[in-house]
Amino acid sequence: MLRNFLKIAVAGALALGLTACTKEEKKEKVVQQAEPAKTVIKVGATPVPHAEILEFVKPLLKKKGYDLQIVEFTDYVTPNIAVDEGELDANFFQHSPYLTEFNSNKKTHLVKTVSVHLEPMGLYSKKIKSLDELKDEAVIAVPNDPTNESRALDILEKQGLLTFNDVALKTALDIKTNPKNLFIKELDAPQLPRILDEVDAAIINTNYALAADLNPLDDAIVLESKDSPYANIVAVKEGNENKDYIKALDEVLTSKEVKDFIKEKYKGAIIAAF
């Protein structure tokens, strides 16, 4: 009986030892797998005004212990793919309707964190000074991505130039009435400032207008209403929105310093959205 008891005691001790070792091993693994403290934030942005605003907040982030690296893009696709694939921590170039459409079409998993500013779209021309001068069968260029095309066509509708069938996102195919027989030319957004000589007018996103030395307040024949829902946002991969470094980025981008910077630098052509 004593022999059996000793066997049980030894077995129990071994089991406890193994359990203790297992717990210690798990602790070691947790320590080994802990992420190193992040000190660099990589953000994709279009040059104007997004990269300019990010340049302004670099010192603010530095005080919080982060180095901001800005990666510039001139299109609306690559920066979203780069965030979804983990090559960038965040991007700053788009509005929520575009992000929603992009996620649906590209099967990406990006989310908005904060709204930073609104860039009112404008109608520009080198051939006319007012809409009264717009001739029949005039050619008007608009962005060809779904949300910005619909947004541009909203401007034409509000000016009484076109009416549309009741659809969520307007395209030229949805035109209901067109009294002047206008021709809508769909192009990639970055191309629009470059083709102003070739069309009667173009509706251009403010970031591309500013990059082409077009001032929305001075040069736009028509400017989008300030109550537009298309504020530009910070976007990150789903699951990263509560990371400390993203919260730090959001905090500086919605600070009083940034609001004052936007007001002073862009003179109302860009409006803080916070």
C-alpha atoms as a PDB file:
ATOM      1  CA  MET A   1       0.000   0.000   0.000  1.00  0.00           C
ATOM      2  CA  LEU A   2       2.850   2.360   0.967  1.00  0.00           C
ATOM      3  CA  ARG A   3       4.525   1.586  -2.344  1.00  0.00           C
ATOM      4  CA  ASN A   4       1.344   2.520  -4.228  1.00  0.00           C
ATOM      5  CA  PHE A   5       1.024   5.720  -2.226  1.00  0.00           C
ATOM      6  CA  LEU A   6       4.595   6.693  -3.073  1.00  0.00           C
ATOM      7  CA  LYS A   7       3.944   6.030  -6.745  1.00  0.00           C
ATOM      8  CA  ILE A   8       0.893   8.292  -6.672  1.00  0.00           C
ATOM      9  CA  ALA A   9       2.795  11.012  -4.805  1.00  0.00           C
ATOM     10  CA  VAL A  10       5.672  10.927  -7.285  1.00  0.00           C
ATOM     11  CA  ALA A  11       3.289  11.011 -10.224  1.00  0.00           C
ATOM     12  CA  GLY A  12       1.466  13.967  -8.676  1.00  0.00           C
ATOM     13  CA  ALA A  13       4.700  15.848  -8.134  1.00  0.00           C
ATOM     14  CA  LEU A  14       5.746  15.232 -11.694  1.00  0.00           C
ATOM     15  CA  ALA A  15       2.388  16.437 -12.954  1.00  0.00           C
ATOM     16  CA  LEU A  16       2.644  19.617 -10.876  1.00  0.00           C
ATOM     17  CA  GLY A  17       6.171  20.122 -12.140  1.00  0.00           C
ATOM     18  CA  LEU A  18       5.065  19.705 -15.713  1.00  0.00           C
ATOM     19  CA  THR A  19       2.156  22.109 -15.158  1.00  0.00           C
ATOM     20  CA  ALA A  20       4.480  24.675 -13.627  1.00  0.00           C
ATOM     21  CA  CYS A  21       6.918  24.288 -16.492  1.00  0.00           C
ATOM     22  CA  THR A  22       4.107  24.637 -18.999  1.00  0.00           C
ATOM     23  CA  LYS A  23       2.912  27.854 -17.334  1.00  0.00           C
ATOM     24  CA  GLU A  24       6.450  29.233 -17.251  1.00  0.00           C
ATOM     25  CA  GLU A  25       6.962  28.308 -20.899  1.00  0.00           C
ATOM     26  CA  LYS A  26       3.718  30.077 -21.801  1.00  0.00           C
ATOM     27  CA  LYS A  27       4.868  33.170 -19.925  1.00  0.00           C
ATOM     28  CA  GLU A  28       8.154  33.114 -21.810  1.00  0.00           C
ATOM     29  CA  LYS A  29       6.341  32.763 -25.114  1.00  0.00           C
ATOM     30  CA  VAL A  30       4.060  35.697 -24.285  1.00  0.00           C
ATOM     31  CA  VAL A  31       7.102  37.817 -23.456  1.00  0.00           C
ATOM     32  CA  GLN A  32       8.847  36.726 -26.647  1.00  0.00           C
ATOM     33  CA  GLN A  33       5.752  37.479 -28.766  1.00  0.00           C
ATOM     34  CA  ALA A  34       5.095  40.922 -27.270  1.00  0.00           C
ATOM     35  CA  GLU A  35       5.261  43.606 -29.952  1.00  0.00           C
ATOM     36  CA  PRO A  36       8.130  46.059 -29.689  1.00  0.00           C
ATOM     37  CA  ALA A  37       7.112  49.646 -28.919  1.00  0.00           C
ATOM     38  CA  LYS A  38       6.108  51.369 -32.175  1.00  0.00           C
ATOM     39  CA  THR A  39       7.851  54.661 -32.822  1.00  0.00           C
ATOM     40  CA  VAL A  40       7.343  55.160 -36.577  1.00  0.00           C
ATOM     41  CA  ILE A  41       3.952  55.869 -38.192  1.00  0.00           C
ATOM     42  CA  LYS A  42       3.728  55.490 -41.966  1.00  0.00           C
ATOM     43  CA  VAL A  43       0.872  57.417 -43.568  1.00  0.00           C
ATOM     44  CA  GLY A  44      -0.040  57.573 -47.251  1.00  0.00           C
ATOM     45  CA  ALA A  45      -1.406  60.841 -48.613  1.00  0.00           C
ATOM     46  CA  THR A  46      -1.981  62.842 -51.761  1.00  0.00           C
ATOM     47  CA  PRO A  47       0.349  65.865 -51.931  1.00  0.00           C
ATOM     48  CA  VAL A  48      -2.000  68.844 -51.439  1.00  0.00           C
ATOM     49  CA  PRO A  49      -3.340  69.503 -48.872  1.00  0.00           C
ATOM     50  CA  HIS A  50      -3.036  66.143 -47.110  1.00  0.00           C
ATOM     51  CA  ALA A  51       0.747  65.787 -47.139  1.00  0.00           C
ATOM     52  CA  GLU A  52       1.078  69.475 -46.237  1.00  0.00           C
ATOM     53  CA  ILE A  53      -1.128  69.003 -43.187  1.00  0.00           C
ATOM     54  CA  LEU A  54       0.822  65.887 -42.207  1.00  0.00           C
ATOM     55  CA  GLU A  55       4.106  67.790 -42.512  1.00  0.00           C
ATOM     56  CA  PHE A  56       2.682  70.368 -40.128  1.00  0.00           C
ATOM     57  CA  VAL A  57       1.837  67.745 -37.478  1.00  0.00           C
ATOM     58  CA  LYS A  58       5.247  66.026 -37.563  1.00  0.00           C
ATOM     59  CA  PRO A  59       6.591  68.066 -34.610  1.00  0.00           C
ATOM     60  CA  LEU A  60       3.353  67.495 -32.669  1.00  0.00           C
ATOM     61  CA  LEU A  61       3.736  63.729 -33.091  1.00  0.00           C
ATOM     62  CA  LYS A  62       7.432  63.942 -32.240  1.00  0.00           C
ATOM     63  CA  LYS A  63       6.475  65.313 -28.827  1.00  0.00           C
ATOM     64  CA  LYS A  64       4.359  62.200 -28.339  1.00  0.00           C
ATOM     65  CA  GLY A  65       7.305  59.952 -29.199  1.00  0.00           C
ATOM     66  CA  TYR A  66       6.471  59.133 -32.824  1.00  0.00           C
ATOM     67  CA  ASP A  67       8.287  59.756 -36.091  1.00  0.00           C
ATOM     68  CA  LEU A  68       5.825  60.386 -38.917  1.00  0.00           C
ATOM     69  CA  GLN A  69       6.808  59.085 -42.357  1.00  0.00           C
ATOM     70  CA  ILE A  70       4.689  60.478 -45.202  1.00  0.00           C
ATOM     71  CA  VAL A  71       4.372  58.435 -48.396  1.00  0.00           C
ATOM     72  CA  GLU A  72       2.887  60.479 -51.248  1.00  0.00           C
ATOM     73  CA  PHE A  73       0.533  59.081 -53.879  1.00  0.00           C
ATOM     74  CA  THR A  74      -1.156  60.646 -56.885  1.00  0.00           C
ATOM     75  CA  ASP A  75      -4.006  58.174 -57.226  1.00  0.00           C
ATOM     76  CA  TYR A  76      -6.973  57.037 -55.135  1.00  0.00           C
ATOM     77  CA  VAL A  77      -6.364  53.273 -55.246  1.00  0.00           C
ATOM     78  CA  THR A  78      -2.804  52.462 -54.183  1.00  0.00           C
ATOM     79  CA  PRO A  79      -2.918  54.085 -50.716  1.00  0.00           C
ATOM     80  CA  ASN A  80      -5.941  51.988 -49.712  1.00  0.00           C
ATOM     81  CA  ILE A  81      -4.374  48.753 -50.931  1.00  0.00           C
ATOM     82  CA  ALA A  82      -1.150  49.614 -49.079  1.00  0.00           C
ATOM     83  CA  VAL A  83      -3.012  50.103 -45.784  1.00  0.00           C
ATOM     84  CA  ASP A  84      -5.035  46.919 -46.230  1.00  0.00           C
ATOM     85  CA  GLU A  85      -1.856  44.932 -46.897  1.00  0.00           C
ATOM     86  CA  GLY A  86      -0.039  46.434 -43.920  1.00  0.00           C
ATOM     87  CA  GLU A  87       2.536  48.433 -45.867  1.00  0.00           C
ATOM     88  CA  LEU A  88       1.137  51.644 -44.367  1.00  0.00           C
ATOM     89  CA  ASP A  89      -0.330  52.300 -40.936  1.00  0.00           C
ATOM     90  CA  ALA A  90      -2.941  54.753 -42.212  1.00  0.00           C
ATOM     91  CA  ASN A  91      -3.860  56.982 -45.109  1.00  0.00           C
ATOM     92  CA  PHE A  92      -5.303  60.456 -45.445  1.00  0.00           C
ATOM     93  CA  PHE A  93      -6.782  61.399 -48.814  1.00  0.00           C
ATOM     94  CA  GLN A  94     -10.419  60.283 -49.108  1.00  0.00           C
ATOM     95  CA  HIS A  95     -13.951  60.767 -47.785  1.00  0.00           C
ATOM     96  CA  SER A  96     -16.228  58.169 -46.189  1.00  0.00           C
ATOM     97  CA  PRO A  97     -18.487  57.513 -49.222  1.00  0.00           C
ATOM     98  CA  TYR A  98     -15.426  56.711 -51.337  1.00  0.00           C
ATOM     99  CA  LEU A  99     -14.025  54.417 -48.632  1.00  0.00           C
ATOM    100  CA  THR A 100     -17.332  52.549 -48.346  1.00  0.00           C
ATOM    101  CA  GLU A 101     -17.478  52.031 -52.108  1.00  0.00           C
ATOM    102  CA  PHE A 102     -13.814  50.976 -52.224  1.00  0.00           C
ATOM    103  CA  ASN A 103     -14.247  48.389 -49.469  1.00  0.00           C
ATOM    104  CA  SER A 104     -17.253  46.946 -51.292  1.00  0.00           C
ATOM    105  CA  ASN A 105     -15.528  46.730 -54.670  1.00  0.00           C
ATOM    106  CA  LYS A 106     -12.026  45.689 -53.577  1.00  0.00           C
ATOM    107  CA  LYS A 107     -12.980  43.525 -50.563  1.00  0.00           C
ATOM    108  CA  THR A 108     -10.686  45.561 -48.327  1.00  0.00           C
ATOM    109  CA  HIS A 109     -11.265  46.041 -44.592  1.00  0.00           C
ATOM    110  CA  LEU A 110     -10.570  49.701 -43.875  1.00  0.00           C
ATOM    111  CA  VAL A 111     -12.309  51.947 -41.374  1.00  0.00           C
ATOM    112  CA  LYS A 112     -12.525  55.670 -40.690  1.00  0.00           C
ATOM    113  CA  THR A 113     -11.032  57.057 -37.490  1.00  0.00           C
ATOM    114  CA  VAL A 114     -11.528  60.862 -37.672  1.00  0.00           C
ATOM    115  CA  SER A 115     -12.712  63.564 -40.086  1.00  0.00           C
ATOM    116  CA  VAL A 116     -10.111  66.268 -40.671  1.00  0.00           C
ATOM    117  CA  HIS A 117     -11.228  68.708 -43.364  1.00  0.00           C
ATOM    118  CA  LEU A 118     -13.605  69.353 -46.253  1.00  0.00           C
ATOM    119  CA  GLU A 119     -12.337  70.184 -49.732  1.00  0.00           C
ATOM    120  CA  PRO A 120     -15.235  71.710 -51.668  1.00  0.00           C
ATOM    121  CA  MET A 121     -15.288  70.476 -55.276  1.00  0.00           C
ATOM    122  CA  GLY A 122     -15.340  73.209 -57.894  1.00  0.00           C
ATOM    123  CA  LEU A 123     -16.186  73.709 -61.547  1.00  0.00           C
ATOM    124  CA  TYR A 124     -13.266  75.302 -63.412  1.00  0.00           C
ATOM    125  CA  SER A 125     -12.813  76.535 -66.964  1.00  0.00           C
ATOM    126  CA  LYS A 126     -10.344  78.366 -69.191  1.00  0.00           C
ATOM    127  CA  LYS A 127     -13.066  79.130 -71.739  1.00  0.00           C
ATOM    128  CA  ILE A 128     -15.907  80.635 -69.731  1.00  0.00           C
ATOM    129  CA  LYS A 129     -16.230  82.913 -66.722  1.00  0.00           C
ATOM    130  CA  SER A 130     -19.772  82.023 -65.676  1.00  0.00           C
ATOM    131  CA  LEU A 131     -22.383  79.329 -66.295  1.00  0.00           C
ATOM    132  CA  ASP A 132     -24.336  81.788 -68.447  1.00  0.00           C
ATOM    133  CA  GLU A 133     -21.573  81.431 -71.060  1.00  0.00           C
ATOM    134  CA  LEU A 134     -21.829  77.639 -71.189  1.00  0.00           C
ATOM    135  CA  LYS A 135     -22.867  76.689 -74.726  1.00  0.00           C
ATOM    136  CA  ASP A 136     -25.076  73.874 -75.916  1.00  0.00           C
ATOM    137  CA  GLU A 137     -23.184  70.578 -76.376  1.00  0.00           C
ATOM    138  CA  ALA A 138     -20.393  71.796 -74.112  1.00  0.00           C
ATOM    139  CA  VAL A 139     -17.994  69.157 -72.758  1.00  0.00           C
ATOM    140  CA  ILE A 140     -17.688  68.933 -68.988  1.00  0.00           C
ATOM    141  CA  ALA A 141     -15.094  66.582 -67.480  1.00  0.00           C
ATOM    142  CA  VAL A 142     -15.737  64.871 -64.142  1.00  0.00           C
ATOM    143  CA  PRO A 143     -13.883  62.314 -61.991  1.00  0.00           C
ATOM    144  CA  ASN A 144     -14.541  58.725 -63.062  1.00  0.00           C
ATOM    145  CA  ASP A 145     -14.590  57.007 -59.651  1.00  0.00           C
ATOM    146  CA  PRO A 146     -18.170  56.297 -58.538  1.00  0.00           C
ATOM    147  CA  THR A 147     -18.505  58.529 -55.485  1.00  0.00           C
ATOM    148  CA  ASN A 148     -16.682  61.574 -56.863  1.00  0.00           C
ATOM    149  CA  GLU A 149     -18.496  61.364 -60.207  1.00  0.00           C
ATOM    150  CA  SER A 150     -21.821  61.329 -58.377  1.00  0.00           C
ATOM    151  CA  ARG A 151     -20.647  64.204 -56.220  1.00  0.00           C
ATOM    152  CA  ALA A 152     -19.643  66.210 -59.312  1.00  0.00           C
ATOM    153  CA  LEU A 153     -22.951  65.520 -61.037  1.00  0.00           C
ATOM    154  CA  ASP A 154     -24.760  66.704 -57.904  1.00  0.00           C
ATOM    155  CA  ILE A 155     -23.156  70.101 -58.492  1.00  0.00           C
ATOM    156  CA  LEU A 156     -24.444  70.245 -62.073  1.00  0.00           C
ATOM    157  CA  GLU A 157     -27.899  69.183 -60.916  1.00  0.00           C
ATOM    158  CA  LYS A 158     -28.020  71.893 -58.239  1.00  0.00           C
ATOM    159  CA  GLN A 159     -27.148  74.447 -60.925  1.00  0.00           C
ATOM    160  CA  GLY A 160     -30.132  73.309 -63.003  1.00  0.00           C
ATOM    161  CA  LEU A 161     -28.030  71.972 -65.866  1.00  0.00           C
ATOM    162  CA  LEU A 162     -29.098  68.328 -65.549  1.00  0.00           C
ATOM    163  CA  THR A 163     -31.620  66.138 -63.778  1.00  0.00           C
ATOM    164  CA  PHE A 164     -31.146  62.480 -62.878  1.00  0.00           C
ATOM    165  CA  ASN A 165     -33.051  59.298 -62.244  1.00  0.00           C
ATOM    166  CA  ASP A 166     -33.317  58.400 -58.565  1.00  0.00           C
ATOM    167  CA  VAL A 167     -30.142  56.368 -57.931  1.00  0.00           C
ATOM    168  CA  ALA A 168     -27.681  56.099 -55.045  1.00  0.00           C
ATOM    169  CA  LEU A 169     -24.638  57.075 -57.141  1.00  0.00           C
ATOM    170  CA  LYS A 170     -25.167  59.107 -60.277  1.00  0.00           C
ATOM    171  CA  THR A 171     -23.358  58.509 -63.581  1.00  0.00           C
ATOM    172  CA  ALA A 172     -23.801  60.027 -67.031  1.00  0.00           C
ATOM    173  CA  LEU A 173     -26.023  57.044 -67.868  1.00  0.00           C
ATOM    174  CA  ASP A 174     -28.510  58.204 -65.223  1.00  0.00           C
ATOM    175  CA  ILE A 175     -29.196  61.610 -66.803  1.00  0.00           C
ATOM    176  CA  LYS A 176     -32.930  62.218 -67.085  1.00  0.00           C
ATOM    177  CA  THR A 177     -33.034  65.669 -68.697  1.00  0.00           C
ATOM    178  CA  ASN A 178     -30.195  67.554 -70.384  1.00  0.00           C
ATOM    179  CA  PRO A 179     -31.509  70.834 -71.839  1.00  0.00           C
ATOM    180  CA  LYS A 180     -28.116  71.962 -73.171  1.00  0.00           C
ATOM    181  CA  ASN A 181     -27.156  68.502 -74.461  1.00  0.00           C
ATOM    182  CA  LEU A 182     -24.010  68.612 -72.379  1.00  0.00           C
ATOM    183  CA  PHE A 183     -21.433  65.889 -72.918  1.00  0.00           C
ATOM    184  CA  ILE A 184     -20.017  64.420 -69.690  1.00  0.00           C
ATOM    185  CA  LYS A 185     -16.425  63.231 -70.046  1.00  0.00           C
ATOM    186  CA  GLU A 186     -15.290  60.814 -67.334  1.00  0.00           C
ATOM    187  CA  LEU A 187     -11.561  60.853 -66.491  1.00  0.00           C
ATOM    188  CA  ASP A 188      -9.197  59.881 -63.682  1.00  0.00           C
ATOM    189  CA  ALA A 189      -9.300  62.649 -61.077  1.00  0.00           C
ATOM    190  CA  PRO A 190      -5.567  63.593 -61.322  1.00  0.00           C
ATOM    191  CA  GLN A 191      -5.952  64.234 -65.080  1.00  0.00           C
ATOM    192  CA  LEU A 192      -8.678  66.861 -64.753  1.00  0.00           C
ATOM    193  CA  PRO A 193      -6.522  69.986 -64.217  1.00  0.00           C
ATOM    194  CA  ARG A 194      -4.319  68.953 -67.161  1.00  0.00           C
ATOM    195  CA  ILE A 195      -7.173  68.768 -69.679  1.00  0.00           C
ATOM    196  CA  LEU A 196      -8.793  72.148 -68.957  1.00  0.00           C
ATOM    197  CA  ASP A 197      -7.586  73.423 -72.348  1.00  0.00           C
ATOM    198  CA  GLU A 198      -9.358  70.540 -74.092  1.00  0.00           C
ATOM    199  CA  VAL A 199     -12.817  70.787 -72.495  1.00  0.00           C
ATOM    200  CA  ASP A 200     -15.282  73.562 -71.807  1.00  0.00           C
ATOM    201  CA  ALA A 201     -15.145  72.966 -68.049  1.00  0.00           C
ATOM    202  CA  ALA A 202     -14.116  70.383 -65.467  1.00  0.00           C
ATOM    203  CA  ILE A 203     -15.222  69.605 -61.937  1.00  0.00           C
ATOM    204  CA  ILE A 204     -12.050  69.075 -59.915  1.00  0.00           C
ATOM    205  CA  ASN A 205     -11.301  67.882 -56.399  1.00  0.00           C
ATOM    206  CA  THR A 206      -9.690  70.650 -54.377  1.00  0.00           C
ATOM    207  CA  ASN A 207      -6.479  68.717 -53.679  1.00  0.00           C
ATOM    208  CA  TYR A 208      -5.778  68.428 -57.420  1.00  0.00           C
ATOM    209  CA  ALA A 209      -6.922  71.996 -58.058  1.00  0.00           C
ATOM    210  CA  LEU A 210      -4.503  73.366 -55.457  1.00  0.00           C
ATOM    211  CA  ALA A 211      -1.671  71.251 -56.853  1.00  0.00           C
ATOM    212  CA  ALA A 212      -2.333  72.859 -60.248  1.00  0.00           C
ATOM    213  CA  ASP A 213      -2.274  76.391 -58.750  1.00  0.00           C
ATOM    214  CA  LEU A 214      -6.039  76.775 -58.986  1.00  0.00           C
ATOM    215  CA  ASN A 215      -7.550  78.573 -56.002  1.00  0.00           C
ATOM    216  CA  PRO A 216     -11.084  77.318 -55.330  1.00  0.00           C
ATOM    217  CA  LEU A 217     -12.262  80.646 -53.913  1.00  0.00           C
ATOM    218  CA  ASP A 218     -10.827  82.711 -56.766  1.00  0.00           C
ATOM    219  CA  ASP A 219     -10.901  80.402 -59.782  1.00  0.00           C
ATOM    220  CA  ALA A 220     -13.934  78.148 -59.397  1.00  0.00           C
ATOM    221  CA  ILE A 221     -17.040  79.212 -61.318  1.00  0.00           C
ATOM    222  CA  VAL A 222     -19.166  77.106 -58.965  1.00  0.00           C
ATOM    223  CA  LEU A 223     -18.066  75.732 -55.584  1.00  0.00           C
ATOM    224  CA  GLU A 224     -19.636  72.852 -53.716  1.00  0.00           C
ATOM    225  CA  SER A 225     -21.794  73.784 -50.744  1.00  0.00           C
ATOM    226  CA  LYS A 226     -20.086  73.819 -47.348  1.00  0.00           C
ATOM    227  CA  ASP A 227     -22.725  71.440 -45.985  1.00  0.00           C
ATOM    228  CA  SER A 228     -21.322  68.623 -48.147  1.00  0.00           C
ATOM    229  CA  PRO A 229     -20.948  65.245 -46.373  1.00  0.00           C
ATOM    230  CA  TYR A 230     -17.623  64.568 -48.090  1.00  0.00           C
ATOM    231  CA  ALA A 231     -15.145  65.441 -45.333  1.00  0.00           C
ATOM    232  CA  ASN A 232     -11.673  63.943 -45.755  1.00  0.00           C
ATOM    233  CA  ILE A 233     -10.791  61.268 -43.216  1.00  0.00           C
ATOM    234  CA  VAL A 234      -8.010  59.164 -41.736  1.00  0.00           C
ATOM    235  CA  ALA A 235      -8.439  55.493 -42.672  1.00  0.00           C
ATOM    236  CA  VAL A 236      -6.783  52.446 -41.099  1.00  0.00           C
ATOM    237  CA  LYS A 237      -7.094  48.685 -41.334  1.00  0.00           C
ATOM    238  CA  GLU A 238      -9.970  47.355 -39.269  1.00  0.00           C
ATOM    239  CA  GLY A 239      -8.687  46.312 -35.867  1.00  0.00           C
ATOM    240  CA  ASN A 240      -6.008  49.020 -35.682  1.00  0.00           C
ATOM    241  CA  GLU A 241      -8.294  51.967 -34.954  1.00  0.00           C
ATOM    242  CA  ASN A 242      -7.658  51.801 -31.187  1.00  0.00           C
ATOM    243  CA  LYS A 243      -3.897  51.368 -31.357  1.00  0.00           C
ATOM    244  CA  ASP A 244      -2.004  53.978 -29.334  1.00  0.00           C
ATOM    245  CA  TYR A 245      -0.111  55.300 -32.347  1.00  0.00           C
ATOM    246  CA  ILE A 246      -3.331  55.764 -34.351  1.00  0.00           C
ATOM    247  CA  LYS A 247      -4.963  57.568 -31.436  1.00  0.00           C
ATOM    248  CA  ALA A 248      -1.912  59.854 -31.275  1.00  0.00           C
ATOM    249  CA  LEU A 249      -2.177  60.542 -35.017  1.00  0.00           C
ATOM    250  CA  ASP A 250      -5.902  61.289 -34.738  1.00  0.00           C
ATOM    251  CA  GLU A 251      -5.350  63.568 -31.772  1.00  0.00           C
ATOM    252  CA  VAL A 252      -2.848  65.829 -33.504  1.00  0.00           C
ATOM    253  CA  LEU A 253      -4.844  65.928 -36.763  1.00  0.00           C
ATOM    254  CA  THR A 254      -7.907  67.190 -34.910  1.00  0.00           C
ATOM    255  CA  SER A 255      -6.070  69.650 -32.686  1.00  0.00           C
ATOM    256  CA  LYS A 256      -6.558  73.394 -32.426  1.00  0.00           C
ATOM    257  CA  GLU A 257      -3.130  73.823 -33.997  1.00  0.00           C
ATOM    258  CA  VAL A 258      -4.273  72.044 -37.160  1.00  0.00           C
ATOM    259  CA  LYS A 259      -7.557  73.968 -37.280  1.00  0.00           C
ATOM    260  CA  ASP A 260      -5.622  77.246 -37.114  1.00  0.00           C
ATOM    261  CA  PHE A 261      -3.130  76.013 -39.718  1.00  0.00           C
ATOM    262  CA  ILE A 262      -5.909  75.094 -42.174  1.00  0.00           C
ATOM    263  CA  LYS A 263      -7.634  78.436 -41.689  1.00  0.00           C
ATOM    264  CA  GLU A 264      -4.454  80.465 -42.141  1.00  0.00           C
ATOM    265  CA  LYS A 265      -2.891  78.522 -45.010  1.00  0.00           C
ATOM    266  CA  TYR A 266      -5.910  77.781 -47.193  1.00  0.00           C
ATOM    267  CA  LYS A 267      -7.973  80.927 -46.570  1.00  0.00           C
ATOM    268  CA  GLY A 268     -11.317  79.134 -46.654  1.00  0.00           C
ATOM    269  CA  ALA A 269     -10.594  76.970 -49.705  1.00  0.00           C
ATOM    270  CA  ILE A 270     -10.326  74.081 -47.244  1.00  0.00           C
ATOM    271  CA  ILE A 271     -12.443  73.910 -44.093  1.00  0.00           C
ATOM    272  CA  ALA A 272     -11.695  72.073 -40.841  1.00  0.00           C
ATOM    273  CA  ALA A 273     -14.273  69.329 -40.250  1.00  0.00           C
ATOM    274  CA  PHE A 274     -13.863  69.005 -36.472  1.00  0.00           C
END
